[in-house]
C-alpha atoms as a PDB file:
ATOM      1  CA  MET A   1       0.059   0.014  -0.020  1.00  0.00           C
ATOM      2  CA  ILE A   2       1.058   3.548  -0.671  1.00  0.00           C
ATOM      3  CA  GLU A   3      -0.344   6.942   0.236  1.00  0.00           C
ATOM      4  CA  CYS A   4      -2.214   9.158  -2.157  1.00  0.00           C
ATOM      5  CA  ASN A   5      -0.486  12.531  -2.535  1.00  0.00           C
ATOM      6  CA  LYS A   6      -3.864  14.317  -2.905  1.00  0.00           C
ATOM      7  CA  CYS A   7      -6.062  12.928  -0.095  1.00  0.00           C
ATOM      8  CA  LYS A   8      -3.501  10.829   1.963  1.00  0.00           C
ATOM      9  CA  ALA A   9      -5.614   7.664   1.705  1.00  0.00           C
ATOM     10  CA  GLN A  10      -3.967   4.266   1.326  1.00  0.00           C
ATOM     11  CA  ILE A  11      -3.876   3.174  -2.387  1.00  0.00           C
ATOM     12  CA  ASN A  12      -4.372  -0.530  -3.349  1.00  0.00           C
ATOM     13  CA  LEU A  13      -1.638  -1.471  -5.881  1.00  0.00           C
ATOM     14  CA  LYS A  14      -4.080  -2.944  -8.370  1.00  0.00           C
ATOM     15  CA  VAL A  15      -2.772  -1.859 -11.840  1.00  0.00           C
ATOM     16  CA  LYS A  16      -5.522  -0.900 -14.369  1.00  0.00           C
ATOM     17  CA  GLU A  17      -5.047  -0.162 -18.051  1.00  0.00           C
ATOM     18  CA  GLU A  18      -6.901   1.984 -20.516  1.00  0.00           C
ATOM     19  CA  ARG A  19      -6.387   3.925 -23.794  1.00  0.00           C
ATOM     20  CA  ILE A  20      -5.803   7.666 -23.456  1.00  0.00           C
ATOM     21  CA  PRO A  21      -8.564   9.207 -25.484  1.00  0.00           C
ATOM     22  CA  GLY A  22      -7.477  10.656 -28.825  1.00  0.00           C
ATOM     23  CA  THR A  23      -4.087   8.985 -28.773  1.00  0.00           C
ATOM     24  CA  GLU A  24      -2.396   5.655 -29.592  1.00  0.00           C
ATOM     25  CA  LEU A  25      -1.178   5.407 -26.034  1.00  0.00           C
ATOM     26  CA  ASP A  26      -2.337   2.921 -23.377  1.00  0.00           C
ATOM     27  CA  ALA A  27      -1.799   3.950 -19.732  1.00  0.00           C
ATOM     28  CA  GLN A  28      -1.182   1.485 -16.953  1.00  0.00           C
ATOM     29  CA  TYR A  29      -2.092   3.223 -13.672  1.00  0.00           C
ATOM     30  CA  ILE A  30      -3.045   2.798 -10.062  1.00  0.00           C
ATOM     31  CA  GLN A  31      -5.945   4.821  -8.761  1.00  0.00           C
ATOM     32  CA  CYS A  32      -6.979   6.187  -5.317  1.00  0.00           C
ATOM     33  CA  GLU A  33     -10.326   4.675  -4.410  1.00  0.00           C
ATOM     34  CA  GLU A  34     -11.132   7.784  -2.254  1.00  0.00           C
ATOM     35  CA  CYS A  35     -10.458  10.752  -4.520  1.00  0.00           C
ATOM     36  CA  LYS A  36     -10.056   8.853  -7.853  1.00  0.00           C
ATOM     37  CA  LYS A  37      -6.606  10.441  -8.610  1.00  0.00           C
ATOM     38  CA  LYS A  38      -4.779   8.353 -11.178  1.00  0.00           C
ATOM     39  CA  TYR A  39      -0.970   7.671 -10.953  1.00  0.00           C
ATOM     40  CA  ILE A  40       0.544   6.436 -14.269  1.00  0.00           C
ATOM     41  CA  VAL A  41       2.888   3.551 -13.907  1.00  0.00           C
ATOM     42  CA  LEU A  42       3.594   2.897 -17.537  1.00  0.00           C
ATOM     43  CA  LEU A  43       2.787   4.393 -20.943  1.00  0.00           C
ATOM     44  CA  LYS A  44       2.539   1.932 -23.810  1.00  0.00           C
ATOM     45  CA  ASP A  45       2.643   2.654 -27.503  1.00  0.00           C
ATOM     46  CA  GLY A  46       3.664   0.208 -30.239  1.00  0.00           C
ATOM     47  CA  LYS A  47       7.390   0.636 -29.699  1.00  0.00           C
ATOM     48  CA  THR A  48       7.040   0.224 -25.902  1.00  0.00           C
ATOM     49  CA  LYS A  49       5.001  -3.004 -26.406  1.00  0.00           C
ATOM     50  CA  ALA A  50       7.745  -4.384 -28.613  1.00  0.00           C
ATOM     51  CA  MET A  51      10.437  -3.335 -26.123  1.00  0.00           C
ATOM     52  CA  LEU A  52       8.612  -5.001 -23.286  1.00  0.00           C
ATOM     53  CA  LEU A  53       8.235  -8.220 -25.208  1.00  0.00           C
ATOM     54  CA  ARG A  54      11.896  -8.220 -26.041  1.00  0.00           C
ATOM     55  CA  ALA A  55      12.728  -7.628 -22.405  1.00  0.00           C
ATOM     56  CA  LYS A  56      10.489 -10.530 -21.433  1.00  0.00           C
ATOM     57  CA  ASN A  57      12.201 -12.834 -23.898  1.00  0.00           C
ATOM     58  CA  MET A  58      15.632 -11.719 -22.610  1.00  0.00           C
ATOM     59  CA  GLN A  59      14.686 -12.547 -19.042  1.00  0.00           C
ATOM     60  CA  ALA A  60      13.484 -16.038 -20.206  1.00  0.00           C
ATOM     61  CA  ARG A  61      16.804 -16.579 -21.982  1.00  0.00           C
ATOM     62  CA  TYR A  62      18.770 -15.432 -18.971  1.00  0.00           C
ATOM     63  CA  ARG A  63      16.831 -17.961 -16.696  1.00  0.00           C
ATOM     64  CA  ARG A  64      17.704 -20.744 -19.210  1.00  0.00           C
ATOM     65  CA  MET A  65      21.352 -19.683 -19.325  1.00  0.00           C
ATOM     66  CA  HIS A  66      21.778 -19.391 -15.537  1.00  0.00           C
ATOM     67  CA  GLY A  67      23.683 -22.412 -14.227  1.00  0.00           C
ATOM     68  CA  ARG A  68      24.230 -23.935 -17.675  1.00  0.00           C
ATOM     69  CA  LYS A  69      26.667 -21.522 -19.330  1.00  0.00           C
ATOM     70  CA  ASN A  70      29.961 -20.182 -18.154  1.00  0.00           C
ATOM     71  CA  VAL A  71      29.723 -17.466 -15.563  1.00  0.00           C
ATOM     72  CA  ALA A  72      31.328 -14.758 -17.595  1.00  0.00           C
ATOM     73  CA  GLU A  73      28.821 -15.262 -20.444  1.00  0.00           C
ATOM     74  CA  VAL A  74      25.871 -15.173 -18.063  1.00  0.00           C
ATOM     75  CA  GLU A  75      27.249 -12.006 -16.435  1.00  0.00           C
ATOM     76  CA  ALA A  76      27.765 -10.280 -19.797  1.00  0.00           C
ATOM     77  CA  TYR A  77      24.155 -11.139 -20.712  1.00  0.00           C
ATOM     78  CA  ARG A  78      22.844  -9.806 -17.396  1.00  0.00           C
ATOM     79  CA  LYS A  79      24.610  -6.480 -18.055  1.00  0.00           C
ATOM     80  CA  HIS A  80      23.178  -6.398 -21.509  1.00  0.00           C
ATOM     81  CA  MET A  81      19.686  -6.863 -20.040  1.00  0.00           C
ATOM     82  CA  GLU A  82      20.309  -4.050 -17.551  1.00  0.00           C
ATOM     83  CA  ASN A  83      21.333  -1.771 -20.367  1.00  0.00           C
ATOM     84  CA  TYR A  84      18.208  -2.589 -22.246  1.00  0.00           C
ATOM     85  CA  GLN A  85      16.071  -1.859 -19.113  1.00  0.00           C
ATOM     86  CA  ARG A  86      17.663   1.609 -18.931  1.00  0.00           C
ATOM     87  CA  THR A  87      16.919   2.087 -22.644  1.00  0.00           C
ATOM     88  CA  ILE A  88      13.210   1.307 -21.861  1.00  0.00           C
ATOM     89  CA  GLN A  89      13.247   3.764 -18.916  1.00  0.00           C
ATOM     90  CA  ARG A  90      14.695   6.531 -21.125  1.00  0.00           C
ATOM     91  CA  TYR A  91      12.103   5.907 -23.776  1.00  0.00           C
ATOM     92  CA  GLN A  92       9.369   6.133 -21.102  1.00  0.00           C
ATOM     93  CA  LEU A  93      10.641   9.487 -20.041  1.00  0.00           C
ATOM     94  CA  GLN A  94      10.741  10.620 -23.679  1.00  0.00           C
ATOM     95  CA  LEU A  95       7.143   9.313 -24.189  1.00  0.00           C
ATOM     96  CA  ARG A  96       5.934  11.190 -21.084  1.00  0.00           C
ATOM     97  CA  ASN A  97       7.631  14.452 -22.077  1.00  0.00           C
ATOM     98  CA  ASN A  98       6.393  14.274 -25.667  1.00  0.00           C
ATOM     99  CA  ASN A  99       2.830  13.684 -24.478  1.00  0.00           C
ATOM    100  CA  LYS A 100       2.728  15.651 -21.250  1.00  0.00           C
ATOM    101  CA  ASN A 101      -0.216  17.826 -22.335  1.00  0.00           C
ATOM    102  CA  LEU A 102      -2.279  14.824 -23.323  1.00  0.00           C
ATOM    103  CA  ILE A 103      -1.404  13.077 -20.110  1.00  0.00           C
ATOM    104  CA  LYS A 104      -2.263  16.181 -18.059  1.00  0.00           C
ATOM    105  CA  ASP A 105      -5.751  16.288 -19.695  1.00  0.00           C
ATOM    106  CA  TYR A 106      -6.201  12.585 -19.115  1.00  0.00           C
ATOM    107  CA  LEU A 107      -5.429  12.771 -15.437  1.00  0.00           C
END
């Protein structure tokens, strides 16, 4: 549980998803049950969806590698995954900045 910045109520961490009207963006968010304020967790467009799928596939490959390949190869792949996660985070910031007016209207 976390506290709502607006009304200070405890927020259930149930993630919901819906399309932001007039855009090609889907917003994953949590919402305060008391005051209905939405907090965006993730914005998804076509590129983000592809990036998340690739990250999921990378994690599956890492789990298969772990314990079966040499340690240096596994460690190198883990670092590659971390770099890709940072790429996703940078893209999320860019997506939020490029669409901040639409997001503001949506919230």
